[in-house]
C-alpha atoms as a PDB file:
ATOM      1  CA  MET A   1     -37.480  96.134 -14.817  1.00  0.00           C
ATOM      2  CA  PRO A   2     -37.930  99.837 -13.967  1.00  0.00           C
ATOM      3  CA  LYS A   3     -38.622 102.046 -16.932  1.00  0.00           C
ATOM      4  CA  GLU A   4     -35.628 104.285 -17.691  1.00  0.00           C
ATOM      5  CA  ASN A   5     -35.287 107.524 -19.568  1.00  0.00           C
ATOM      6  CA  THR A   6     -32.497 110.063 -19.842  1.00  0.00           C
ATOM      7  CA  LEU A   7     -32.804 113.194 -17.685  1.00  0.00           C
ATOM      8  CA  ASP A   8     -32.623 116.333 -19.816  1.00  0.00           C
ATOM      9  CA  SER A   9     -29.408 118.200 -19.016  1.00  0.00           C
ATOM     10  CA  ASN A  10     -27.898 121.558 -19.936  1.00  0.00           C
ATOM     11  CA  GLU A  11     -24.614 120.839 -18.226  1.00  0.00           C
ATOM     12  CA  LYS A  12     -21.699 122.780 -19.551  1.00  0.00           C
ATOM     13  CA  ASP A  13     -19.281 119.994 -18.698  1.00  0.00           C
ATOM     14  CA  ASP A  14     -19.858 117.387 -21.419  1.00  0.00           C
ATOM     15  CA  LYS A  15     -17.742 114.899 -19.489  1.00  0.00           C
ATOM     16  CA  LYS A  16     -20.129 114.846 -16.568  1.00  0.00           C
ATOM     17  CA  GLU A  17     -22.114 111.616 -16.453  1.00  0.00           C
ATOM     18  CA  ILE A  18     -25.792 112.066 -17.284  1.00  0.00           C
ATOM     19  CA  GLU A  19     -27.920 110.576 -14.541  1.00  0.00           C
ATOM     20  CA  GLN A  20     -30.746 108.193 -15.340  1.00  0.00           C
ATOM     21  CA  VAL A  21     -34.324 108.614 -14.206  1.00  0.00           C
ATOM     22  CA  VAL A  22     -36.107 105.417 -13.197  1.00  0.00           C
ATOM     23  CA  GLU A  23     -39.742 104.885 -12.246  1.00  0.00           C
ATOM     24  CA  ILE A  24     -40.023 103.323  -8.791  1.00  0.00           C
ATOM     25  CA  ASP A  25     -43.123 101.943  -7.086  1.00  0.00           C
ATOM     26  CA  ILE A  26     -44.260 104.359  -4.385  1.00  0.00           C
ATOM     27  CA  GLY A  27     -44.377 101.545  -1.839  1.00  0.00           C
ATOM     28  CA  LYS A  28     -40.602 101.153  -2.118  1.00  0.00           C
ATOM     29  CA  LEU A  29     -39.950 104.827  -1.314  1.00  0.00           C
ATOM     30  CA  LYS A  30     -39.287 105.334   2.390  1.00  0.00           C
ATOM     31  CA  ASP A  31     -39.206 108.678   4.189  1.00  0.00           C
ATOM     32  CA  PHE A  32     -35.808 109.903   5.314  1.00  0.00           C
ATOM     33  CA  GLU A  33     -35.066 108.712   8.849  1.00  0.00           C
ATOM     34  CA  LYS A  34     -35.717 111.522  11.356  1.00  0.00           C
ATOM     35  CA  HIS A  35     -36.751 113.867   8.547  1.00  0.00           C
ATOM     36  CA  PRO A  36     -36.955 117.288  10.270  1.00  0.00           C
ATOM     37  CA  PHE A  37     -39.304 118.948   7.752  1.00  0.00           C
ATOM     38  CA  LYS A  38     -43.038 118.508   8.241  1.00  0.00           C
ATOM     39  CA  VAL A  39     -45.194 117.463   5.277  1.00  0.00           C
ATOM     40  CA  LEU A  40     -48.699 118.786   5.913  1.00  0.00           C
ATOM     41  CA  ASP A  41     -51.545 117.791   3.607  1.00  0.00           C
ATOM     42  CA  GLU A  42     -53.129 121.249   3.800  1.00  0.00           C
ATOM     43  CA  THR A  43     -50.020 122.787   2.182  1.00  0.00           C
ATOM     44  CA  LEU A  44     -50.013 120.443  -0.822  1.00  0.00           C
ATOM     45  CA  GLU A  45     -52.998 121.715  -2.813  1.00  0.00           C
ATOM     46  CA  GLU A  46     -50.966 123.807  -5.276  1.00  0.00           C
ATOM     47  CA  LEU A  47     -48.365 121.066  -5.726  1.00  0.00           C
ATOM     48  CA  SER A  48     -51.063 118.419  -6.200  1.00  0.00           C
ATOM     49  CA  ASN A  49     -52.798 120.528  -8.862  1.00  0.00           C
ATOM     50  CA  SER A  50     -49.485 121.024 -10.682  1.00  0.00           C
ATOM     51  CA  ILE A  51     -48.721 117.293 -10.647  1.00  0.00           C
ATOM     52  CA  GLN A  52     -52.226 116.492 -11.832  1.00  0.00           C
ATOM     53  CA  GLU A  53     -51.875 118.867 -14.776  1.00  0.00           C
ATOM     54  CA  SER A  54     -48.229 118.375 -15.783  1.00  0.00           C
ATOM     55  CA  GLY A  55     -46.965 115.329 -13.924  1.00  0.00           C
ATOM     56  CA  ILE A  56     -43.779 115.305 -11.824  1.00  0.00           C
ATOM     57  CA  THR A  57     -41.397 117.618 -13.665  1.00  0.00           C
ATOM     58  CA  THR A  58     -38.569 117.234 -11.121  1.00  0.00           C
ATOM     59  CA  PRO A  59     -37.644 113.649 -10.229  1.00  0.00           C
ATOM     60  CA  LEU A  60     -37.152 112.623  -6.623  1.00  0.00           C
ATOM     61  CA  VAL A  61     -33.619 111.916  -5.448  1.00  0.00           C
ATOM     62  CA  VAL A  62     -33.313 108.654  -3.515  1.00  0.00           C
ATOM     63  CA  ARG A  63     -30.595 106.372  -2.212  1.00  0.00           C
ATOM     64  CA  PRO A  64     -30.733 102.563  -2.233  1.00  0.00           C
ATOM     65  CA  LEU A  65     -31.223 100.666   1.022  1.00  0.00           C
ATOM     66  CA  LYS A  66     -29.956  97.184   1.847  1.00  0.00           C
ATOM     67  CA  ASP A  67     -33.514  95.759   1.983  1.00  0.00           C
ATOM     68  CA  GLY A  68     -34.211  96.667  -1.651  1.00  0.00           C
ATOM     69  CA  ASN A  69     -36.189  99.805  -0.842  1.00  0.00           C
ATOM     70  CA  PHE A  70     -35.111 103.414  -1.382  1.00  0.00           C
ATOM     71  CA  GLU A  71     -34.766 106.299   1.084  1.00  0.00           C
ATOM     72  CA  ILE A  72     -36.034 109.671  -0.149  1.00  0.00           C
ATOM     73  CA  VAL A  73     -33.376 112.368   0.056  1.00  0.00           C
ATOM     74  CA  SER A  74     -35.308 115.023  -1.861  1.00  0.00           C
ATOM     75  CA  GLY A  75     -39.011 114.864  -2.736  1.00  0.00           C
ATOM     76  CA  HIS A  76     -41.068 114.071   0.377  1.00  0.00           C
ATOM     77  CA  ARG A  77     -43.765 116.593  -0.546  1.00  0.00           C
ATOM     78  CA  ARG A  78     -43.947 115.256  -4.104  1.00  0.00           C
ATOM     79  CA  LYS A  79     -44.323 111.709  -2.793  1.00  0.00           C
ATOM     80  CA  ARG A  80     -47.124 112.717  -0.386  1.00  0.00           C
ATOM     81  CA  ALA A  81     -48.955 114.662  -3.128  1.00  0.00           C
ATOM     82  CA  CYS A  82     -48.766 111.554  -5.347  1.00  0.00           C
ATOM     83  CA  GLU A  83     -50.152 109.404  -2.524  1.00  0.00           C
ATOM     84  CA  ILE A  84     -53.135 111.745  -2.276  1.00  0.00           C
ATOM     85  CA  LEU A  85     -53.616 111.638  -6.058  1.00  0.00           C
ATOM     86  CA  GLY A  86     -53.303 107.860  -6.202  1.00  0.00           C
ATOM     87  CA  ILE A  87     -50.158 107.861  -8.366  1.00  0.00           C
ATOM     88  CA  THR A  88     -48.248 104.607  -7.822  1.00  0.00           C
ATOM     89  CA  LYS A  89     -44.969 105.090  -9.733  1.00  0.00           C
ATOM     90  CA  LEU A  90     -42.661 108.073  -9.329  1.00  0.00           C
ATOM     91  CA  PRO A  91     -39.671 109.221 -11.425  1.00  0.00           C
ATOM     92  CA  CYS A  92     -36.516 109.048  -9.325  1.00  0.00           C
ATOM     93  CA  ILE A  93     -32.777 109.574  -9.576  1.00  0.00           C
ATOM     94  CA  VAL A  94     -30.964 106.861  -7.611  1.00  0.00           C
ATOM     95  CA  ARG A  95     -27.675 107.933  -6.046  1.00  0.00           C
ATOM     96  CA  ASP A  96     -25.255 105.956  -3.902  1.00  0.00           C
ATOM     97  CA  MET A  97     -24.664 108.206  -0.904  1.00  0.00           C
ATOM     98  CA  THR A  98     -23.461 107.789   2.639  1.00  0.00           C
ATOM     99  CA  ARG A  99     -25.837 108.735   5.429  1.00  0.00           C
ATOM    100  CA  ASP A 100     -23.908 111.962   6.047  1.00  0.00           C
ATOM    101  CA  GLU A 101     -23.915 112.915   2.357  1.00  0.00           C
ATOM    102  CA  ALA A 102     -27.649 112.244   2.201  1.00  0.00           C
ATOM    103  CA  ILE A 103     -28.320 114.394   5.278  1.00  0.00           C
ATOM    104  CA  ILE A 104     -26.440 117.345   3.801  1.00  0.00           C
ATOM    105  CA  MET A 105     -28.332 117.103   0.503  1.00  0.00           C
ATOM    106  CA  MET A 106     -31.681 116.611   2.274  1.00  0.00           C
ATOM    107  CA  VAL A 107     -31.201 119.740   4.385  1.00  0.00           C
ATOM    108  CA  ASP A 108     -29.927 121.851   1.468  1.00  0.00           C
ATOM    109  CA  SER A 109     -32.887 120.862  -0.726  1.00  0.00           C
ATOM    110  CA  ASN A 110     -35.451 121.882   1.909  1.00  0.00           C
ATOM    111  CA  ILE A 111     -33.984 124.761   3.911  1.00  0.00           C
ATOM    112  CA  GLN A 112     -34.523 127.338   1.137  1.00  0.00           C
ATOM    113  CA  ARG A 113     -38.298 126.881   1.035  1.00  0.00           C
ATOM    114  CA  GLU A 114     -40.278 130.077   1.566  1.00  0.00           C
ATOM    115  CA  GLU A 115     -41.828 128.944   4.835  1.00  0.00           C
ATOM    116  CA  VAL A 116     -39.678 126.876   7.176  1.00  0.00           C
ATOM    117  CA  LEU A 117     -40.699 126.587  10.826  1.00  0.00           C
ATOM    118  CA  PRO A 118     -38.121 127.426  13.532  1.00  0.00           C
ATOM    119  CA  SER A 119     -38.290 123.822  14.785  1.00  0.00           C
ATOM    120  CA  GLU A 120     -37.606 122.528  11.261  1.00  0.00           C
ATOM    121  CA  LYS A 121     -34.559 124.782  10.906  1.00  0.00           C
ATOM    122  CA  ALA A 122     -33.358 123.811  14.373  1.00  0.00           C
ATOM    123  CA  PHE A 123     -33.310 120.061  13.816  1.00  0.00           C
ATOM    124  CA  ALA A 124     -32.191 120.361  10.176  1.00  0.00           C
ATOM    125  CA  TYR A 125     -29.186 122.530  11.104  1.00  0.00           C
ATOM    126  CA  LYS A 126     -28.316 120.167  13.940  1.00  0.00           C
ATOM    127  CA  MET A 127     -28.420 117.127  11.636  1.00  0.00           C
ATOM    128  CA  LYS A 128     -26.295 118.834   8.977  1.00  0.00           C
ATOM    129  CA  LEU A 129     -23.763 120.118  11.506  1.00  0.00           C
ATOM    130  CA  GLU A 130     -23.326 116.626  12.962  1.00  0.00           C
ATOM    131  CA  ALA A 131     -23.018 115.123   9.464  1.00  0.00           C
ATOM    132  CA  MET A 132     -20.317 117.621   8.487  1.00  0.00           C
ATOM    133  CA  LYS A 133     -18.435 116.934  11.729  1.00  0.00           C
ATOM    134  CA  HIS A 134     -18.569 113.197  10.927  1.00  0.00           C
ATOM    135  CA  GLN A 135     -16.852 114.061   7.653  1.00  0.00           C
ATOM    136  CA  GLY A 136     -13.917 115.396   9.639  1.00  0.00           C
ATOM    137  CA  LYS A 137     -14.599 119.112   9.407  1.00  0.00           C
ATOM    138  CA  SER A 138     -13.817 121.209  12.483  1.00  0.00           C
ATOM    139  CA  ILE A 139     -16.803 122.665  14.286  1.00  0.00           C
ATOM    140  CA  ASP A 140     -15.417 126.225  14.061  1.00  0.00           C
ATOM    141  CA  LYS A 141     -15.274 126.076  10.257  1.00  0.00           C
ATOM    142  CA  THR A 142     -18.437 124.009   9.905  1.00  0.00           C
ATOM    143  CA  CYS A 143     -20.917 126.343  11.612  1.00  0.00           C
ATOM    144  CA  GLY A 144     -20.645 128.940   8.888  1.00  0.00           C
ATOM    145  CA  GLN A 145     -21.118 126.289   6.207  1.00  0.00           C
ATOM    146  CA  VAL A 146     -24.257 124.672   7.625  1.00  0.00           C
ATOM    147  CA  VAL A 147     -26.568 127.009   5.732  1.00  0.00           C
ATOM    148  CA  HIS A 148     -26.927 126.192   2.055  1.00  0.00           C
ATOM    149  CA  LYS A 149     -25.851 129.242   0.040  1.00  0.00           C
ATOM    150  CA  SER A 150     -28.461 129.960  -2.605  1.00  0.00           C
ATOM    151  CA  ARG A 151     -27.498 131.284  -6.027  1.00  0.00           C
ATOM    152  CA  ASP A 152     -28.739 134.777  -5.234  1.00  0.00           C
ATOM    153  CA  ASP A 153     -27.132 134.712  -1.761  1.00  0.00           C
ATOM    154  CA  ILE A 154     -30.500 135.556  -0.188  1.00  0.00           C
ATOM    155  CA  SER A 155     -31.333 134.149   3.281  1.00  0.00           C
ATOM    156  CA  GLU A 156     -27.856 132.903   4.170  1.00  0.00           C
ATOM    157  CA  GLU A 157     -27.482 132.926   7.934  1.00  0.00           C
ATOM    158  CA  SER A 158     -24.344 133.341  10.016  1.00  0.00           C
ATOM    159  CA  GLY A 159     -22.716 130.553  11.960  1.00  0.00           C
ATOM    160  CA  ARG A 160     -23.815 132.216  15.196  1.00  0.00           C
ATOM    161  CA  GLN A 161     -27.430 132.287  14.041  1.00  0.00           C
ATOM    162  CA  VAL A 162     -27.187 128.608  13.110  1.00  0.00           C
ATOM    163  CA  GLN A 163     -26.046 127.831  16.644  1.00  0.00           C
ATOM    164  CA  ARG A 164     -28.957 129.837  18.036  1.00  0.00           C
ATOM    165  CA  TYR A 165     -31.406 127.817  15.964  1.00  0.00           C
ATOM    166  CA  ILE A 166     -29.783 124.582  17.140  1.00  0.00           C
ATOM    167  CA  ARG A 167     -30.339 125.720  20.736  1.00  0.00           C
ATOM    168  CA  LEU A 168     -34.095 125.409  20.120  1.00  0.00           C
ATOM    169  CA  THR A 169     -33.715 121.617  19.994  1.00  0.00           C
ATOM    170  CA  GLU A 170     -33.163 121.821  23.778  1.00  0.00           C
ATOM    171  CA  LEU A 171     -36.713 123.093  24.340  1.00  0.00           C
ATOM    172  CA  ILE A 172     -39.409 120.741  25.571  1.00  0.00           C
ATOM    173  CA  PRO A 173     -41.931 119.969  22.773  1.00  0.00           C
ATOM    174  CA  GLU A 174     -44.689 122.165  24.197  1.00  0.00           C
ATOM    175  CA  LEU A 175     -42.488 125.273  24.289  1.00  0.00           C
ATOM    176  CA  LEU A 176     -41.017 124.537  20.849  1.00  0.00           C
ATOM    177  CA  GLU A 177     -44.544 124.336  19.460  1.00  0.00           C
ATOM    178  CA  MET A 178     -45.212 127.793  20.909  1.00  0.00           C
ATOM    179  CA  VAL A 179     -42.181 129.078  18.984  1.00  0.00           C
ATOM    180  CA  ASP A 180     -43.550 127.571  15.761  1.00  0.00           C
ATOM    181  CA  ASN A 181     -46.951 129.148  16.493  1.00  0.00           C
ATOM    182  CA  LYS A 182     -45.262 132.523  17.153  1.00  0.00           C
ATOM    183  CA  ARG A 183     -46.514 132.625  20.726  1.00  0.00           C
ATOM    184  CA  ILE A 184     -42.894 132.786  21.901  1.00  0.00           C
ATOM    185  CA  ALA A 185     -40.484 134.957  19.923  1.00  0.00           C
ATOM    186  CA  PHE A 186     -37.196 133.530  18.670  1.00  0.00           C
ATOM    187  CA  SER A 187     -34.760 135.424  20.922  1.00  0.00           C
ATOM    188  CA  PRO A 188     -36.631 134.702  24.190  1.00  0.00           C
ATOM    189  CA  ALA A 189     -36.908 131.059  23.092  1.00  0.00           C
ATOM    190  CA  VAL A 190     -33.117 130.819  22.747  1.00  0.00           C
ATOM    191  CA  GLU A 191     -32.684 132.108  26.311  1.00  0.00           C
ATOM    192  CA  ILE A 192     -35.325 129.687  27.634  1.00  0.00           C
ATOM    193  CA  SER A 193     -33.525 126.772  25.966  1.00  0.00           C
ATOM    194  CA  TYR A 194     -30.773 127.065  28.592  1.00  0.00           C
ATOM    195  CA  LEU A 195     -33.213 126.172  31.379  1.00  0.00           C
ATOM    196  CA  TYR A 196     -33.255 122.621  32.698  1.00  0.00           C
ATOM    197  CA  LYS A 197     -36.171 120.514  31.466  1.00  0.00           C
ATOM    198  CA  ASN A 198     -37.918 120.569  34.852  1.00  0.00           C
ATOM    199  CA  GLU A 199     -37.578 124.372  34.921  1.00  0.00           C
ATOM    200  CA  GLN A 200     -39.049 124.591  31.428  1.00  0.00           C
ATOM    201  CA  LYS A 201     -42.029 122.553  32.612  1.00  0.00           C
ATOM    202  CA  LEU A 202     -42.558 124.955  35.509  1.00  0.00           C
ATOM    203  CA  LEU A 203     -42.417 127.855  33.050  1.00  0.00           C
ATOM    204  CA  LEU A 204     -44.911 126.091  30.772  1.00  0.00           C
ATOM    205  CA  ASN A 205     -47.333 125.705  33.703  1.00  0.00           C
ATOM    206  CA  CYS A 206     -46.992 129.417  34.424  1.00  0.00           C
ATOM    207  CA  ILE A 207     -47.568 130.370  30.780  1.00  0.00           C
ATOM    208  CA  GLU A 208     -50.704 128.242  30.616  1.00  0.00           C
ATOM    209  CA  GLU A 209     -52.061 129.612  33.901  1.00  0.00           C
ATOM    210  CA  TYR A 210     -51.411 133.308  33.258  1.00  0.00           C
ATOM    211  CA  GLU A 211     -51.769 133.152  29.460  1.00  0.00           C
ATOM    212  CA  HIS A 212     -48.757 135.264  28.538  1.00  0.00           C
ATOM    213  CA  THR A 213     -45.245 134.395  27.469  1.00  0.00           C
ATOM    214  CA  PRO A 214     -41.908 135.857  28.582  1.00  0.00           C
ATOM    215  CA  SER A 215     -40.400 138.913  26.958  1.00  0.00           C
ATOM    216  CA  LEU A 216     -36.711 138.897  26.005  1.00  0.00           C
ATOM    217  CA  SER A 217     -35.709 140.615  29.250  1.00  0.00           C
ATOM    218  CA  GLN A 218     -37.772 138.155  31.295  1.00  0.00           C
ATOM    219  CA  ALA A 219     -36.274 135.202  29.393  1.00  0.00           C
ATOM    220  CA  GLN A 220     -32.771 136.554  30.018  1.00  0.00           C
ATOM    221  CA  GLU A 221     -33.583 136.864  33.715  1.00  0.00           C
ATOM    222  CA  LEU A 222     -34.908 133.286  33.756  1.00  0.00           C
ATOM    223  CA  HIS A 223     -31.624 132.166  32.185  1.00  0.00           C
ATOM    224  CA  ARG A 224     -29.610 134.072  34.799  1.00  0.00           C
ATOM    225  CA  MET A 225     -31.682 132.703  37.685  1.00  0.00           C
ATOM    226  CA  SER A 226     -31.323 129.165  36.351  1.00  0.00           C
ATOM    227  CA  LYS A 227     -27.518 129.470  36.277  1.00  0.00           C
ATOM    228  CA  ASN A 228     -27.652 130.672  39.899  1.00  0.00           C
ATOM    229  CA  CYS A 229     -30.017 127.855  40.950  1.00  0.00           C
ATOM    230  CA  GLU A 230     -32.697 130.399  41.896  1.00  0.00           C
ATOM    231  CA  LEU A 231     -35.573 129.112  39.774  1.00  0.00           C
ATOM    232  CA  ASN A 232     -38.650 127.513  41.306  1.00  0.00           C
ATOM    233  CA  GLN A 233     -42.399 127.787  40.821  1.00  0.00           C
ATOM    234  CA  ASP A 234     -42.710 130.902  43.010  1.00  0.00           C
ATOM    235  CA  SER A 235     -39.783 132.796  41.475  1.00  0.00           C
ATOM    236  CA  ILE A 236     -41.006 132.033  37.956  1.00  0.00           C
ATOM    237  CA  GLU A 237     -44.525 133.238  38.788  1.00  0.00           C
ATOM    238  CA  ASP A 238     -43.194 136.417  40.435  1.00  0.00           C
ATOM    239  CA  LEU A 239     -41.139 137.223  37.337  1.00  0.00           C
ATOM    240  CA  MET A 240     -43.855 136.359  34.825  1.00  0.00           C
ATOM    241  CA  CYS A 241     -46.477 138.417  36.659  1.00  0.00           C
ATOM    242  CA  GLU A 242     -44.405 141.573  36.349  1.00  0.00           C
ATOM    243  CA  GLU A 243     -46.063 143.987  33.946  1.00  0.00           C
ATOM    244  CA  LYS A 244     -44.197 144.198  30.646  1.00  0.00           C
ATOM    245  CA  PRO A 245     -43.938 147.407  28.588  1.00  0.00           C
ATOM    246  CA  ASN A 246     -46.870 147.738  26.180  1.00  0.00           C
ATOM    247  CA  GLN A 247     -48.443 144.626  27.694  1.00  0.00           C
ATOM    248  CA  ILE A 248     -52.218 144.448  27.373  1.00  0.00           C
ATOM    249  CA  PRO A 249     -53.602 144.663  30.923  1.00  0.00           C
ATOM    250  CA  LYS A 250     -54.984 141.371  32.222  1.00  0.00           C
ATOM    251  CA  ILE A 251     -58.487 141.658  33.669  1.00  0.00           C
ATOM    252  CA  ASN A 252     -59.239 139.589  36.754  1.00  0.00           C
ATOM    253  CA  ILE A 253     -62.869 139.231  37.805  1.00  0.00           C
ATOM    254  CA  SER A 254     -63.936 137.524  41.010  1.00  0.00           C
ATOM    255  CA  TYR A 255     -66.355 134.686  40.267  1.00  0.00           C
ATOM    256  CA  GLY A 256     -68.401 135.716  43.303  1.00  0.00           C
ATOM    257  CA  ARG A 257     -69.194 139.057  41.657  1.00  0.00           C
ATOM    258  CA  ILE A 258     -70.722 137.511  38.543  1.00  0.00           C
ATOM    259  CA  GLN A 259     -72.013 134.093  39.610  1.00  0.00           C
ATOM    260  CA  ASN A 260     -75.606 135.387  39.840  1.00  0.00           C
ATOM    261  CA  TYR A 261     -75.459 136.568  36.218  1.00  0.00           C
ATOM    262  CA  VAL A 262     -74.016 133.498  34.469  1.00  0.00           C
ATOM    263  CA  PRO A 263     -75.508 130.015  34.034  1.00  0.00           C
ATOM    264  CA  ARG A 264     -74.612 127.493  36.727  1.00  0.00           C
ATOM    265  CA  SER A 265     -72.871 125.369  34.108  1.00  0.00           C
ATOM    266  CA  VAL A 266     -70.362 128.187  33.520  1.00  0.00           C
ATOM    267  CA  VAL A 267     -67.711 127.569  36.160  1.00  0.00           C
ATOM    268  CA  THR A 268     -64.114 127.495  34.923  1.00  0.00           C
ATOM    269  CA  PRO A 269     -62.234 130.752  34.139  1.00  0.00           C
ATOM    270  CA  LYS A 270     -62.161 129.829  30.439  1.00  0.00           C
ATOM    271  CA  GLU A 271     -65.943 129.182  30.392  1.00  0.00           C
ATOM    272  CA  VAL A 272     -66.606 132.495  32.162  1.00  0.00           C
ATOM    273  CA  GLU A 273     -64.358 134.348  29.708  1.00  0.00           C
ATOM    274  CA  ASP A 274     -66.092 132.753  26.719  1.00  0.00           C
ATOM    275  CA  TYR A 275     -69.531 133.562  28.148  1.00  0.00           C
ATOM    276  CA  LEU A 276     -68.676 137.230  28.764  1.00  0.00           C
ATOM    277  CA  ILE A 277     -67.208 137.568  25.272  1.00  0.00           C
ATOM    278  CA  LYS A 278     -70.403 136.119  23.771  1.00  0.00           C
ATOM    279  CA  CYS A 279     -72.448 138.603  25.804  1.00  0.00           C
ATOM    280  CA  ALA A 280     -70.305 141.473  24.533  1.00  0.00           C
ATOM    281  CA  ILE A 281     -70.672 140.247  20.934  1.00  0.00           C
ATOM    282  CA  PHE A 282     -74.448 139.943  21.426  1.00  0.00           C
ATOM    283  CA  CYS A 283     -74.648 143.566  22.610  1.00  0.00           C
ATOM    284  CA  LYS A 284     -72.461 144.876  19.795  1.00  0.00           C
ATOM    285  CA  GLN A 285     -74.437 143.033  17.112  1.00  0.00           C
ATOM    286  CA  ARG A 286     -77.632 144.620  18.388  1.00  0.00           C
ATOM    287  CA  GLY A 287     -76.178 148.102  18.638  1.00  0.00           C
ATOM    288  CA  ILE A 288     -76.313 148.207  22.444  1.00  0.00           C
ATOM    289  CA  ASN A 289     -73.646 150.487  23.911  1.00  0.00           C
ATOM    290  CA  ILE A 290     -72.708 151.523  27.429  1.00  0.00           C
ATOM    291  CA  SER A 291     -74.856 154.672  27.332  1.00  0.00           C
ATOM    292  CA  GLN A 292     -77.956 152.445  27.088  1.00  0.00           C
ATOM    293  CA  LEU A 293     -77.066 150.552  30.238  1.00  0.00           C
ATOM    294  CA  ASN A 294     -77.829 152.012  33.676  1.00  0.00           C
ATOM    295  CA  ILE A 295     -75.061 150.393  35.707  1.00  0.00           C
ATOM    296  CA  GLN A 296     -74.657 151.437  39.340  1.00  0.00           C
ATOM    297  CA  LEU A 297     -70.989 151.524  40.281  1.00  0.00           C
ATOM    298  CA  ASP A 298     -71.704 150.124  43.753  1.00  0.00           C
ATOM    299  CA  ASN A 299     -72.874 146.914  41.983  1.00  0.00           C
ATOM    300  CA  LYS A 300     -76.116 146.881  43.976  1.00  0.00           C
ATOM    301  CA  THR A 301     -78.381 147.248  40.950  1.00  0.00           C
ATOM    302  CA  ILE A 302     -77.944 146.526  37.293  1.00  0.00           C
ATOM    303  CA  ASP A 303     -80.758 147.682  35.033  1.00  0.00           C
ATOM    304  CA  LYS A 304     -80.390 146.408  31.459  1.00  0.00           C
ATOM    305  CA  GLY A 305     -82.841 148.101  29.150  1.00  0.00           C
ATOM    306  CA  GLY A 306     -85.601 148.206  31.789  1.00  0.00           C
ATOM    307  CA  ARG A 307     -85.444 144.443  32.514  1.00  0.00           C
END
């Protein structure tokens, strides 16, 4: 039989039933299906240290499954930290909840974390919105309620912003990862989400080839061109190659001009770039500056320190 103890409570309503905390074997605790929040081991050090010193001060919230196991509604990070620490039994509150009720609680218990990735917000908001619609709430009234309202009212987002986050779920995984990595800003990403999947793949190829991402104005133009069926590889490249305000100039060097000065094994553009950067670092570390190099602008002779 699971060990039970009463959860300390400061509830003002004495009539409210006090929930029981039971210890459940970690093997019976299953992750929430399609859990949108990532649990990364490298972010668990502080939590693991706290659990090691003081134990689990806040029980997990779980719901019973038909197979005798339990689905975690709140506490995925605590469970993973315990797995790392080798803890086999976890204190849990068991609640009978419908799938929709569990989704709403799962999102609300995670969305207020300090660092939530755009992709996590996107799929979490989408799941909660769909759950609330299943409960019979109209979409117009639901959008503004998707965000959990914290006690201090900080970080509540509007219904329109919720819809913008949900748009990110239409991005192909590679572009969504760029949003998480802050390579693509949020507003341009929303505009790009309206492109068809094949158009997004063409854009991804262009981003990888030219190594820069679209500005908001470029993303808006991509959206407009997509609606008018004007997007193809050439039109995307033409737009993306336009110089953006404050854009760092891209330097293009012909391989023929430098092939005599780099090892034969250095062939690809990335290898050439890495080699030239290493050369520049080598010169800087040794205090060599341009005034010490006698470089003829016609490229016929290059005299480096008398060599």
